């Protein structure tokens, strides 16, 4: 049986994260802490015999993926398929600003209403289809390899729910799977119906900058 190892990695802390703002499809770069997190993540993943590195094409994700691709001397392939959910009118706003200006969109987002399309944005269902269609193509292309995918908290949440079989055609709301900045979700893919979850939100490699709490830096 051919076993593929998959690593889903959230980008490092961005300037928008530090300010508590919705990033969406915005071009926000990594903060100084985010750059440090990316370097430590690259060092850790370079020991995992990674054979392919993919990333969202948004700046904060590419910045996080670049150190690993450079360490391994393999191409970094960026794609809009792994972008964060397009949050439309909420982009760049804080949670409080979003709640005040666009309450319907805000509450639908925080309650994980799967079918709600944010004004000028997209739904979680659209995010799910966009990310998982690309993910399965990559897993097919790199069967038996070790694939790192750098993405965003919402995109990783829904890819993880999908791999767990926790979201289906009739799902209306979902739980939220937290992935900290540069947290790693690890999977073994043995087939579409044979998936093993090895770790969720693994941040042990960041302990020297986040302290002893392996789930810090949300």
N, C-alpha and C. Protein backbone atom coordinates (compact mmCIF):
# COMPACT_ATOMS: atom_id res chain seq x y z
N UNK A 1 0.83 -1.20 0.00
CA UNK A 1 0.00 0.00 0.00
C UNK A 1 0.87 1.25 0.00
N UNK A 2 0.53 2.19 -0.87
CA UNK A 2 1.27 3.44 -0.95
C UNK A 2 0.73 4.43 0.09
N UNK A 3 1.59 4.90 0.97
CA UNK A 3 1.19 5.82 2.04
C UNK A 3 1.75 7.21 1.74
N UNK A 4 0.89 8.20 1.74
CA UNK A 4 1.30 9.58 1.53
C UNK A 4 1.21 10.32 2.85
N UNK A 5 2.25 11.03 3.22
CA UNK A 5 2.22 11.87 4.41
C UNK A 5 1.83 13.29 3.97
N UNK A 6 0.85 13.86 4.66
CA UNK A 6 0.39 15.22 4.38
C UNK A 6 0.59 16.09 5.61
N UNK A 7 1.14 17.27 5.38
CA UNK A 7 1.34 18.26 6.44
C UNK A 7 0.59 19.53 6.04
N UNK A 8 -0.42 19.91 6.80
CA UNK A 8 -1.12 21.17 6.58
C UNK A 8 -0.60 22.17 7.60
N UNK A 9 -0.04 23.27 7.12
CA UNK A 9 0.61 24.23 8.00
C UNK A 9 -0.02 25.61 7.84
N UNK A 10 -0.42 26.20 8.94
CA UNK A 10 -0.92 27.57 8.88
C UNK A 10 0.26 28.52 8.77
N UNK A 11 0.05 29.64 8.09
CA UNK A 11 1.09 30.65 7.97
C UNK A 11 1.47 31.23 9.34
N UNK A 12 2.63 31.87 9.41
CA UNK A 12 3.05 32.53 10.63
C UNK A 12 2.20 33.76 10.93
N UNK A 13 2.43 34.31 12.11
CA UNK A 13 1.65 35.49 12.49
C UNK A 13 1.81 36.60 11.46
N UNK A 14 0.69 37.13 11.01
CA UNK A 14 0.72 38.25 10.06
C UNK A 14 0.50 39.55 10.80
N UNK A 15 0.73 40.65 10.10
CA UNK A 15 0.46 41.96 10.69
C UNK A 15 -1.02 42.07 11.06
N UNK A 16 -1.89 41.50 10.20
CA UNK A 16 -3.32 41.53 10.48
C UNK A 16 -3.68 40.69 11.70
N UNK A 17 -3.05 39.50 11.85
CA UNK A 17 -3.28 38.68 13.04
C UNK A 17 -2.93 39.45 14.31
N UNK A 18 -1.79 40.12 14.27
CA UNK A 18 -1.32 40.86 15.44
C UNK A 18 -2.29 41.96 15.84
N UNK A 19 -3.02 42.49 14.86
CA UNK A 19 -3.99 43.56 15.12
C UNK A 19 -5.41 43.03 15.32
N UNK A 20 -5.59 41.71 15.24
CA UNK A 20 -6.91 41.12 15.42
C UNK A 20 -7.87 41.41 14.30
N UNK A 21 -7.36 41.44 13.05
CA UNK A 21 -8.19 41.77 11.89
C UNK A 21 -8.39 40.55 10.99
N UNK A 22 -9.54 40.51 10.30
CA UNK A 22 -9.78 39.46 9.32
C UNK A 22 -8.85 39.66 8.12
N UNK A 23 -8.06 38.62 7.81
CA UNK A 23 -7.11 38.73 6.71
C UNK A 23 -7.74 38.50 5.35
N UNK A 24 -8.59 37.44 5.26
CA UNK A 24 -9.23 37.14 3.99
C UNK A 24 -8.22 36.99 2.87
N UNK A 25 -8.48 37.65 1.75
CA UNK A 25 -7.58 37.61 0.60
C UNK A 25 -6.64 38.80 0.57
N UNK A 26 -6.54 39.53 1.67
CA UNK A 26 -5.69 40.71 1.73
C UNK A 26 -4.21 40.37 1.65
N UNK A 27 -3.37 41.36 1.29
CA UNK A 27 -1.94 41.13 1.06
C UNK A 27 -1.08 41.29 2.31
N UNK A 28 -1.66 41.18 3.49
CA UNK A 28 -0.91 41.43 4.72
C UNK A 28 0.33 40.53 4.83
N UNK A 29 1.49 41.10 5.16
CA UNK A 29 2.72 40.31 5.29
C UNK A 29 2.87 39.72 6.69
N UNK A 30 3.90 38.90 6.86
CA UNK A 30 4.21 38.38 8.18
C UNK A 30 4.77 39.47 9.08
N UNK A 31 4.48 39.35 10.37
CA UNK A 31 5.11 40.19 11.37
C UNK A 31 6.52 39.66 11.64
N UNK A 32 7.27 40.35 12.48
CA UNK A 32 8.61 39.85 12.85
C UNK A 32 8.49 38.50 13.55
N UNK A 33 7.49 38.34 14.41
CA UNK A 33 7.28 37.05 15.07
C UNK A 33 6.93 35.99 14.03
N UNK A 34 6.10 36.35 13.05
CA UNK A 34 5.73 35.40 12.01
C UNK A 34 6.92 34.90 11.22
N UNK A 35 7.86 35.79 10.92
CA UNK A 35 9.07 35.39 10.20
C UNK A 35 9.90 34.42 11.04
N UNK A 36 9.95 34.65 12.35
CA UNK A 36 10.68 33.75 13.23
C UNK A 36 9.99 32.40 13.30
N UNK A 37 8.67 32.40 13.37
CA UNK A 37 7.92 31.15 13.37
C UNK A 37 8.15 30.37 12.09
N UNK A 38 8.17 31.07 10.95
CA UNK A 38 8.38 30.40 9.66
C UNK A 38 9.74 29.73 9.61
N UNK A 39 10.77 30.40 10.14
CA UNK A 39 12.12 29.83 10.13
C UNK A 39 12.18 28.56 10.98
N UNK A 40 11.57 28.58 12.15
CA UNK A 40 11.58 27.40 13.02
C UNK A 40 10.77 26.26 12.41
N UNK A 41 9.68 26.59 11.74
CA UNK A 41 8.86 25.57 11.09
C UNK A 41 9.61 24.91 9.94
N UNK A 42 10.34 25.72 9.18
CA UNK A 42 11.14 25.17 8.09
C UNK A 42 12.21 24.22 8.64
N UNK A 43 12.83 24.61 9.71
CA UNK A 43 13.87 23.76 10.31
C UNK A 43 13.29 22.42 10.75
N UNK A 44 12.09 22.46 11.36
CA UNK A 44 11.46 21.22 11.81
C UNK A 44 11.05 20.34 10.63
N UNK A 45 10.38 20.93 9.65
CA UNK A 45 9.87 20.14 8.53
C UNK A 45 10.98 19.64 7.60
N UNK A 46 12.13 20.29 7.63
CA UNK A 46 13.24 19.83 6.79
C UNK A 46 13.73 18.45 7.20
N UNK A 47 13.34 18.00 8.40
CA UNK A 47 13.72 16.67 8.90
C UNK A 47 12.71 15.59 8.50
N UNK A 48 11.64 16.01 7.81
CA UNK A 48 10.52 15.10 7.52
C UNK A 48 10.56 14.49 6.12
N UNK A 49 11.65 14.68 5.42
CA UNK A 49 11.79 14.14 4.06
C UNK A 49 10.68 14.60 3.12
N UNK A 50 10.35 15.89 3.23
CA UNK A 50 9.31 16.49 2.38
C UNK A 50 9.73 16.39 0.92
N UNK A 51 8.78 16.00 0.06
CA UNK A 51 9.08 15.87 -1.37
C UNK A 51 8.39 16.93 -2.23
N UNK A 52 7.41 17.65 -1.66
CA UNK A 52 6.72 18.69 -2.43
C UNK A 52 6.21 19.75 -1.47
N UNK A 53 6.33 21.01 -1.90
CA UNK A 53 5.88 22.14 -1.07
C UNK A 53 4.90 22.97 -1.87
N UNK A 54 3.69 23.10 -1.33
CA UNK A 54 2.63 23.91 -1.94
C UNK A 54 2.23 25.01 -0.96
N UNK A 55 1.65 26.08 -1.53
CA UNK A 55 1.23 27.19 -0.69
C UNK A 55 0.07 27.93 -1.32
N UNK A 56 -0.75 28.53 -0.49
CA UNK A 56 -1.63 29.60 -0.95
C UNK A 56 -0.77 30.66 -1.62
N UNK A 57 -1.34 31.37 -2.57
CA UNK A 57 -0.54 32.42 -3.24
C UNK A 57 -0.61 33.75 -2.50
N UNK A 58 -1.28 33.80 -1.34
CA UNK A 58 -1.30 35.04 -0.56
C UNK A 58 0.05 35.25 0.13
N UNK A 59 0.44 36.51 0.25
CA UNK A 59 1.81 36.85 0.65
C UNK A 59 2.23 36.19 1.95
N UNK A 60 1.35 36.20 2.96
CA UNK A 60 1.73 35.68 4.28
C UNK A 60 1.98 34.17 4.24
N UNK A 61 1.29 33.45 3.37
CA UNK A 61 1.51 32.01 3.25
C UNK A 61 2.79 31.72 2.46
N UNK A 62 3.00 32.46 1.38
CA UNK A 62 4.22 32.27 0.59
C UNK A 62 5.45 32.58 1.44
N UNK A 63 5.40 33.65 2.21
CA UNK A 63 6.53 33.99 3.08
C UNK A 63 6.83 32.87 4.07
N UNK A 64 5.79 32.19 4.53
CA UNK A 64 5.98 31.10 5.50
C UNK A 64 6.56 29.86 4.84
N UNK A 65 6.16 29.61 3.60
CA UNK A 65 6.61 28.40 2.89
C UNK A 65 8.01 28.54 2.31
N UNK A 66 8.41 29.74 1.97
CA UNK A 66 9.69 29.94 1.27
C UNK A 66 10.90 29.38 2.02
N UNK A 67 11.03 29.57 3.35
CA UNK A 67 12.21 29.03 4.02
C UNK A 67 12.36 27.52 3.89
N UNK A 68 11.25 26.78 3.92
CA UNK A 68 11.33 25.32 3.77
C UNK A 68 11.75 24.95 2.36
N UNK A 69 11.14 25.57 1.35
CA UNK A 69 11.50 25.26 -0.04
C UNK A 69 12.98 25.56 -0.28
N UNK A 70 13.46 26.64 0.31
CA UNK A 70 14.87 27.01 0.13
C UNK A 70 15.78 26.01 0.84
N UNK A 71 15.43 25.59 2.05
CA UNK A 71 16.24 24.62 2.78
C UNK A 71 16.34 23.29 2.02
N UNK A 72 15.23 22.88 1.43
CA UNK A 72 15.17 21.60 0.72
C UNK A 72 15.61 21.70 -0.73
N UNK A 73 15.72 22.94 -1.22
CA UNK A 73 16.07 23.18 -2.62
C UNK A 73 15.09 22.50 -3.57
N UNK A 74 13.80 22.68 -3.26
CA UNK A 74 12.75 22.17 -4.15
C UNK A 74 11.80 23.31 -4.46
N UNK A 75 11.07 23.23 -5.58
CA UNK A 75 10.20 24.34 -5.98
C UNK A 75 9.06 24.56 -4.99
N UNK A 76 8.71 25.82 -4.82
CA UNK A 76 7.50 26.18 -4.08
C UNK A 76 6.41 26.47 -5.11
N UNK A 77 5.32 25.72 -5.03
CA UNK A 77 4.21 25.88 -5.97
C UNK A 77 3.07 26.58 -5.24
N UNK A 78 2.76 27.80 -5.66
CA UNK A 78 1.68 28.55 -5.02
C UNK A 78 0.43 28.53 -5.90
N UNK A 79 -0.72 28.53 -5.24
CA UNK A 79 -1.98 28.43 -5.95
C UNK A 79 -3.07 29.18 -5.20
N UNK A 80 -3.98 29.86 -5.90
CA UNK A 80 -5.10 30.52 -5.22
C UNK A 80 -6.08 29.54 -4.59
N UNK A 81 -5.99 28.25 -4.95
CA UNK A 81 -6.92 27.26 -4.40
C UNK A 81 -6.80 27.15 -2.88
N UNK A 82 -5.62 27.41 -2.33
CA UNK A 82 -5.40 27.28 -0.89
C UNK A 82 -5.50 28.61 -0.16
N UNK A 83 -6.07 29.63 -0.82
CA UNK A 83 -6.30 30.90 -0.13
C UNK A 83 -7.28 30.73 1.02
N UNK A 84 -7.25 31.70 1.93
CA UNK A 84 -8.24 31.76 2.99
C UNK A 84 -9.61 32.03 2.39
N UNK A 85 -10.65 31.81 3.17
CA UNK A 85 -12.00 32.17 2.74
C UNK A 85 -12.03 33.66 2.38
N UNK A 86 -12.70 33.99 1.29
CA UNK A 86 -12.87 35.38 0.90
C UNK A 86 -13.96 35.96 1.81
N UNK A 87 -13.57 36.87 2.71
CA UNK A 87 -14.52 37.39 3.69
C UNK A 87 -15.16 38.70 3.26
N UNK A 88 -14.98 39.07 2.01
CA UNK A 88 -15.72 40.19 1.43
C UNK A 88 -15.66 41.46 2.25
N UNK A 89 -16.84 41.95 2.68
CA UNK A 89 -16.91 43.24 3.38
C UNK A 89 -16.24 43.21 4.75
N UNK A 90 -15.91 42.02 5.26
CA UNK A 90 -15.27 41.92 6.57
C UNK A 90 -13.74 42.06 6.50
N UNK A 91 -13.20 41.98 5.29
CA UNK A 91 -11.74 41.98 5.15
C UNK A 91 -11.13 43.25 5.75
N UNK A 92 -10.12 43.04 6.58
CA UNK A 92 -9.40 44.14 7.20
C UNK A 92 -10.05 44.70 8.45
N UNK A 93 -11.26 44.24 8.78
CA UNK A 93 -11.95 44.74 9.97
C UNK A 93 -11.59 43.90 11.19
N UNK A 94 -11.68 44.49 12.37
CA UNK A 94 -11.56 43.73 13.61
C UNK A 94 -12.87 42.99 13.85
N UNK A 95 -12.88 42.09 14.82
CA UNK A 95 -14.11 41.37 15.16
C UNK A 95 -15.19 42.35 15.61
N UNK A 96 -14.81 43.31 16.45
CA UNK A 96 -15.81 44.27 16.95
C UNK A 96 -16.35 45.13 15.81
N UNK A 97 -15.49 45.57 14.91
CA UNK A 97 -15.95 46.37 13.77
C UNK A 97 -16.88 45.56 12.88
N UNK A 98 -16.54 44.30 12.66
CA UNK A 98 -17.37 43.43 11.82
C UNK A 98 -18.75 43.23 12.43
N UNK A 99 -18.77 42.99 13.75
CA UNK A 99 -20.04 42.77 14.44
C UNK A 99 -20.94 44.01 14.37
N UNK A 100 -20.33 45.18 14.46
CA UNK A 100 -21.10 46.42 14.44
C UNK A 100 -21.60 46.77 13.04
N UNK A 101 -20.74 46.60 12.02
CA UNK A 101 -21.07 47.07 10.67
C UNK A 101 -21.82 46.03 9.84
N UNK A 102 -21.50 44.75 10.05
CA UNK A 102 -22.09 43.69 9.22
C UNK A 102 -22.48 42.50 10.10
N UNK A 103 -23.45 42.70 11.01
CA UNK A 103 -23.77 41.66 12.00
C UNK A 103 -24.22 40.34 11.39
N UNK A 104 -25.00 40.36 10.31
CA UNK A 104 -25.47 39.11 9.72
C UNK A 104 -24.30 38.28 9.21
N UNK A 105 -23.38 38.92 8.47
CA UNK A 105 -22.21 38.21 7.96
C UNK A 105 -21.31 37.76 9.09
N UNK A 106 -21.13 38.60 10.09
CA UNK A 106 -20.25 38.28 11.20
C UNK A 106 -20.74 37.05 11.96
N UNK A 107 -22.02 37.04 12.35
CA UNK A 107 -22.52 35.93 13.15
C UNK A 107 -22.59 34.63 12.34
N UNK A 108 -22.86 34.74 11.05
CA UNK A 108 -22.85 33.54 10.21
C UNK A 108 -21.44 32.95 10.15
N UNK A 109 -20.44 33.82 10.12
CA UNK A 109 -19.05 33.35 10.06
C UNK A 109 -18.65 32.69 11.36
N UNK A 110 -18.86 33.37 12.49
CA UNK A 110 -18.38 32.81 13.76
C UNK A 110 -19.19 31.58 14.18
N UNK A 111 -20.43 31.45 13.67
CA UNK A 111 -21.23 30.26 13.97
C UNK A 111 -21.02 29.14 12.95
N UNK A 112 -20.09 29.35 12.00
CA UNK A 112 -19.74 28.37 10.97
C UNK A 112 -20.96 27.91 10.20
N UNK A 113 -21.77 28.86 9.75
CA UNK A 113 -22.90 28.55 8.87
C UNK A 113 -22.35 28.23 7.49
N UNK A 114 -22.37 26.97 7.14
CA UNK A 114 -21.62 26.47 5.99
C UNK A 114 -22.07 27.09 4.67
N UNK A 115 -23.36 27.37 4.54
CA UNK A 115 -23.89 27.81 3.24
C UNK A 115 -23.97 29.32 3.10
N UNK A 116 -23.73 30.07 4.16
CA UNK A 116 -23.88 31.53 4.09
C UNK A 116 -22.75 32.14 3.26
N UNK A 117 -23.14 32.90 2.24
CA UNK A 117 -22.16 33.60 1.41
C UNK A 117 -21.99 35.00 1.97
N UNK A 118 -20.79 35.32 2.44
CA UNK A 118 -20.52 36.66 2.96
C UNK A 118 -20.69 37.68 1.85
N UNK A 119 -21.23 38.84 2.18
CA UNK A 119 -21.41 39.91 1.20
C UNK A 119 -20.09 40.22 0.50
N UNK A 120 -20.09 40.08 -0.82
CA UNK A 120 -18.91 40.31 -1.66
C UNK A 120 -17.81 39.27 -1.40
N UNK A 121 -18.17 38.18 -0.75
CA UNK A 121 -17.18 37.14 -0.46
C UNK A 121 -17.68 35.77 -0.88
N UNK A 122 -17.38 34.73 -0.08
CA UNK A 122 -17.78 33.36 -0.41
C UNK A 122 -18.26 32.64 0.84
N UNK A 123 -18.80 31.46 0.66
CA UNK A 123 -19.28 30.65 1.77
C UNK A 123 -18.20 29.65 2.20
N UNK A 124 -18.41 29.05 3.37
CA UNK A 124 -17.53 27.96 3.79
C UNK A 124 -17.64 26.78 2.83
N UNK A 125 -18.83 26.54 2.29
CA UNK A 125 -19.01 25.45 1.34
C UNK A 125 -18.16 25.67 0.09
N UNK A 126 -18.12 26.91 -0.39
CA UNK A 126 -17.28 27.23 -1.56
C UNK A 126 -15.81 27.07 -1.21
N UNK A 127 -15.42 27.48 -0.02
CA UNK A 127 -14.05 27.29 0.44
C UNK A 127 -13.71 25.80 0.48
N UNK A 128 -14.60 25.00 1.00
CA UNK A 128 -14.39 23.55 1.10
C UNK A 128 -14.14 22.93 -0.27
N UNK A 129 -14.98 23.25 -1.25
CA UNK A 129 -14.82 22.67 -2.58
C UNK A 129 -13.52 23.14 -3.23
N UNK A 130 -13.23 24.41 -3.11
CA UNK A 130 -12.02 24.98 -3.74
C UNK A 130 -10.75 24.32 -3.21
N UNK A 131 -10.67 24.17 -1.89
CA UNK A 131 -9.44 23.64 -1.30
C UNK A 131 -9.32 22.13 -1.48
N UNK A 132 -10.41 21.39 -1.27
CA UNK A 132 -10.29 19.94 -1.30
C UNK A 132 -10.15 19.39 -2.72
N UNK A 133 -10.73 20.05 -3.70
CA UNK A 133 -10.52 19.61 -5.09
C UNK A 133 -9.03 19.66 -5.43
N UNK A 134 -8.38 20.75 -5.05
CA UNK A 134 -6.94 20.89 -5.32
C UNK A 134 -6.12 19.92 -4.48
N UNK A 135 -6.53 19.75 -3.22
CA UNK A 135 -5.79 18.86 -2.32
C UNK A 135 -5.76 17.44 -2.86
N UNK A 136 -6.89 16.90 -3.31
CA UNK A 136 -6.90 15.52 -3.80
C UNK A 136 -6.11 15.37 -5.10
N UNK A 137 -6.09 16.41 -5.91
CA UNK A 137 -5.26 16.35 -7.12
C UNK A 137 -3.78 16.27 -6.75
N UNK A 138 -3.38 17.06 -5.77
CA UNK A 138 -1.99 17.03 -5.32
C UNK A 138 -1.63 15.69 -4.70
N UNK A 139 -2.52 15.15 -3.88
CA UNK A 139 -2.26 13.84 -3.27
C UNK A 139 -2.17 12.75 -4.32
N UNK A 140 -2.94 12.86 -5.37
CA UNK A 140 -2.84 11.91 -6.49
C UNK A 140 -1.51 12.05 -7.20
N UNK A 141 -1.10 13.29 -7.44
CA UNK A 141 0.15 13.55 -8.17
C UNK A 141 1.39 13.15 -7.38
N UNK A 142 1.28 13.13 -6.04
CA UNK A 142 2.45 12.85 -5.19
C UNK A 142 2.20 11.62 -4.32
N UNK A 143 1.50 10.65 -4.86
CA UNK A 143 1.18 9.43 -4.11
C UNK A 143 2.47 8.78 -3.61
N UNK A 144 2.50 8.49 -2.31
CA UNK A 144 3.68 7.88 -1.70
C UNK A 144 4.72 8.89 -1.24
N UNK A 145 4.47 10.18 -1.49
CA UNK A 145 5.42 11.22 -1.10
C UNK A 145 5.06 11.85 0.24
N UNK A 146 5.75 12.94 0.52
CA UNK A 146 5.50 13.70 1.74
C UNK A 146 5.26 15.15 1.32
N UNK A 147 4.04 15.61 1.50
CA UNK A 147 3.59 16.87 0.92
C UNK A 147 3.28 17.88 2.02
N UNK A 148 3.88 19.06 1.90
CA UNK A 148 3.60 20.17 2.80
C UNK A 148 2.73 21.19 2.08
N UNK A 149 1.63 21.58 2.72
CA UNK A 149 0.73 22.59 2.16
C UNK A 149 0.59 23.71 3.18
N UNK A 150 1.00 24.91 2.79
CA UNK A 150 0.92 26.08 3.66
C UNK A 150 -0.34 26.87 3.31
N UNK A 151 -1.19 27.07 4.31
CA UNK A 151 -2.47 27.71 4.03
C UNK A 151 -2.88 28.58 5.21
N UNK A 152 -4.18 28.64 5.49
CA UNK A 152 -4.75 29.60 6.43
C UNK A 152 -5.71 28.89 7.38
N UNK A 153 -6.05 29.56 8.47
CA UNK A 153 -6.80 28.89 9.53
C UNK A 153 -8.15 28.34 9.07
N UNK A 154 -8.93 29.11 8.32
CA UNK A 154 -10.22 28.62 7.85
C UNK A 154 -10.08 27.53 6.82
N UNK A 155 -9.17 27.72 5.88
CA UNK A 155 -8.95 26.71 4.85
C UNK A 155 -8.46 25.40 5.46
N UNK A 156 -7.56 25.49 6.41
CA UNK A 156 -7.05 24.28 7.07
C UNK A 156 -8.14 23.61 7.90
N UNK A 157 -8.96 24.41 8.57
CA UNK A 157 -10.07 23.86 9.35
C UNK A 157 -10.95 23.00 8.45
N UNK A 158 -11.34 23.52 7.29
CA UNK A 158 -12.28 22.78 6.46
C UNK A 158 -11.61 21.64 5.70
N UNK A 159 -10.35 21.76 5.34
CA UNK A 159 -9.66 20.61 4.77
C UNK A 159 -9.54 19.50 5.80
N UNK A 160 -9.28 19.87 7.06
CA UNK A 160 -9.16 18.87 8.12
C UNK A 160 -10.50 18.21 8.41
N UNK A 161 -11.58 19.00 8.50
CA UNK A 161 -12.91 18.43 8.68
C UNK A 161 -13.24 17.45 7.56
N UNK A 162 -12.88 17.83 6.34
CA UNK A 162 -13.13 16.96 5.19
C UNK A 162 -12.37 15.64 5.32
N UNK A 163 -11.09 15.72 5.67
CA UNK A 163 -10.29 14.50 5.80
C UNK A 163 -10.79 13.63 6.95
N UNK A 164 -11.39 14.24 7.96
CA UNK A 164 -11.94 13.49 9.09
C UNK A 164 -13.32 12.92 8.78
N UNK A 165 -13.89 13.30 7.65
CA UNK A 165 -15.24 12.87 7.33
C UNK A 165 -16.29 13.58 8.17
N UNK A 166 -15.97 14.78 8.65
CA UNK A 166 -16.84 15.49 9.59
C UNK A 166 -17.70 16.57 8.93
N UNK A 167 -17.63 16.69 7.61
CA UNK A 167 -18.48 17.65 6.91
C UNK A 167 -18.97 17.00 5.63
N UNK A 168 -20.28 17.03 5.40
CA UNK A 168 -20.87 16.37 4.23
C UNK A 168 -21.86 17.28 3.53
N UNK A 169 -22.55 16.75 2.52
CA UNK A 169 -23.47 17.56 1.71
C UNK A 169 -24.59 18.20 2.53
N UNK A 170 -25.00 17.55 3.63
CA UNK A 170 -26.12 18.05 4.41
C UNK A 170 -25.70 18.82 5.66
N UNK A 171 -24.40 19.00 5.83
CA UNK A 171 -23.90 19.73 6.99
C UNK A 171 -24.27 21.20 6.90
N UNK A 172 -24.86 21.73 7.98
CA UNK A 172 -25.23 23.15 8.01
C UNK A 172 -24.28 23.98 8.86
N UNK A 173 -23.76 23.37 9.92
CA UNK A 173 -22.81 24.06 10.79
C UNK A 173 -21.72 23.07 11.20
N UNK A 174 -20.56 23.57 11.52
CA UNK A 174 -19.45 22.70 11.90
C UNK A 174 -18.77 23.23 13.16
N UNK A 175 -18.01 22.37 13.85
CA UNK A 175 -17.12 22.86 14.89
C UNK A 175 -15.95 23.60 14.25
N UNK A 176 -15.17 24.26 15.05
CA UNK A 176 -13.98 24.95 14.56
C UNK A 176 -12.75 24.23 15.07
N UNK A 177 -11.86 23.86 14.17
CA UNK A 177 -10.60 23.24 14.55
C UNK A 177 -9.53 24.32 14.56
N UNK A 178 -9.02 24.61 15.73
CA UNK A 178 -8.03 25.68 15.88
C UNK A 178 -6.68 25.23 15.32
N UNK A 179 -6.09 26.07 14.49
CA UNK A 179 -4.70 25.89 14.08
C UNK A 179 -3.96 27.18 14.38
N UNK A 180 -3.00 27.12 15.27
CA UNK A 180 -2.22 28.29 15.63
C UNK A 180 -1.31 28.70 14.48
N UNK A 181 -0.78 29.91 14.56
CA UNK A 181 0.20 30.34 13.56
C UNK A 181 1.36 29.35 13.52
N UNK A 182 1.61 28.81 12.35
CA UNK A 182 2.64 27.79 12.10
C UNK A 182 2.36 26.47 12.84
N UNK A 183 1.12 26.25 13.25
CA UNK A 183 0.72 24.94 13.73
C UNK A 183 0.67 23.96 12.56
N UNK A 184 0.94 22.69 12.85
CA UNK A 184 1.00 21.66 11.81
C UNK A 184 -0.04 20.58 12.09
N UNK A 185 -0.87 20.27 11.10
CA UNK A 185 -1.76 19.11 11.13
C UNK A 185 -1.12 18.01 10.28
N UNK A 186 -0.98 16.83 10.86
CA UNK A 186 -0.26 15.73 10.20
C UNK A 186 -1.20 14.56 9.91
N UNK A 187 -1.11 14.03 8.69
CA UNK A 187 -1.99 12.94 8.25
C UNK A 187 -1.19 11.89 7.50
N UNK A 188 -1.69 10.67 7.57
CA UNK A 188 -1.28 9.60 6.65
C UNK A 188 -2.46 9.32 5.73
N UNK A 189 -2.23 9.41 4.44
CA UNK A 189 -3.29 9.16 3.46
C UNK A 189 -3.01 7.81 2.81
N UNK A 190 -3.86 6.84 3.09
CA UNK A 190 -3.71 5.51 2.51
C UNK A 190 -4.76 5.27 1.43
N UNK A 191 -5.67 6.21 1.29
CA UNK A 191 -6.76 6.17 0.33
C UNK A 191 -7.82 7.14 0.79
N UNK A 192 -8.78 7.45 -0.07
CA UNK A 192 -9.82 8.42 0.31
C UNK A 192 -10.61 7.97 1.53
N UNK A 193 -10.72 6.67 1.71
CA UNK A 193 -11.48 6.15 2.84
C UNK A 193 -10.59 5.52 3.90
N UNK A 194 -9.31 5.82 3.84
CA UNK A 194 -8.36 5.26 4.82
C UNK A 194 -7.35 6.35 5.16
N UNK A 195 -7.75 7.21 6.10
CA UNK A 195 -6.95 8.37 6.49
C UNK A 195 -6.67 8.30 7.97
N UNK A 196 -5.42 8.51 8.34
CA UNK A 196 -5.03 8.51 9.74
C UNK A 196 -4.58 9.91 10.15
N UNK A 197 -5.13 10.39 11.26
CA UNK A 197 -4.76 11.69 11.80
C UNK A 197 -3.66 11.47 12.83
N UNK A 198 -2.49 12.04 12.56
CA UNK A 198 -1.34 11.83 13.44
C UNK A 198 -1.21 12.94 14.48
N UNK A 199 -1.58 14.16 14.11
CA UNK A 199 -1.48 15.28 15.06
C UNK A 199 -2.28 16.45 14.52
N UNK A 200 -2.89 17.20 15.44
CA UNK A 200 -3.57 18.44 15.09
C UNK A 200 -2.93 19.59 15.86
N UNK A 201 -2.70 20.69 15.16
CA UNK A 201 -2.16 21.90 15.78
C UNK A 201 -0.87 21.63 16.56
N UNK A 202 0.04 20.93 15.96
CA UNK A 202 1.33 20.64 16.58
C UNK A 202 2.21 21.89 16.50
N UNK A 203 2.51 22.47 17.66
CA UNK A 203 3.37 23.67 17.71
C UNK A 203 4.59 23.45 18.62
N UNK A 204 4.97 22.20 18.83
CA UNK A 204 6.11 21.92 19.71
C UNK A 204 7.39 22.56 19.21
N UNK A 205 7.52 22.70 17.89
CA UNK A 205 8.72 23.28 17.32
C UNK A 205 8.84 24.77 17.61
N UNK A 206 7.78 25.39 18.13
CA UNK A 206 7.78 26.82 18.43
C UNK A 206 7.98 27.10 19.91
N UNK A 207 8.25 26.05 20.70
CA UNK A 207 8.28 26.19 22.15
C UNK A 207 9.27 27.25 22.61
N UNK A 208 10.39 27.41 21.90
CA UNK A 208 11.39 28.38 22.36
C UNK A 208 10.93 29.82 22.25
N UNK A 209 9.89 30.08 21.44
CA UNK A 209 9.38 31.45 21.34
C UNK A 209 7.96 31.62 21.87
N UNK A 210 7.30 30.51 22.22
CA UNK A 210 5.93 30.60 22.77
C UNK A 210 5.84 30.05 24.16
N UNK A 211 6.95 29.59 24.74
CA UNK A 211 6.91 29.02 26.07
C UNK A 211 6.57 27.55 26.03
N UNK A 212 6.12 27.02 27.13
CA UNK A 212 5.86 25.58 27.25
C UNK A 212 4.50 25.17 26.71
N UNK A 213 3.61 26.14 26.43
CA UNK A 213 2.28 25.80 25.94
C UNK A 213 2.35 25.48 24.46
N UNK A 214 2.19 24.20 24.11
CA UNK A 214 2.34 23.79 22.73
C UNK A 214 1.19 24.26 21.85
N UNK A 215 0.13 24.85 22.44
CA UNK A 215 -0.99 25.34 21.67
C UNK A 215 -1.12 26.84 21.81
N UNK A 216 0.00 27.52 22.01
CA UNK A 216 0.00 28.98 22.16
C UNK A 216 -0.02 29.64 20.79
N UNK A 217 -0.06 30.95 20.82
CA UNK A 217 0.05 31.80 19.60
C UNK A 217 -1.11 31.60 18.65
N UNK A 218 -2.31 31.51 19.18
CA UNK A 218 -3.48 31.40 18.31
C UNK A 218 -3.65 32.67 17.50
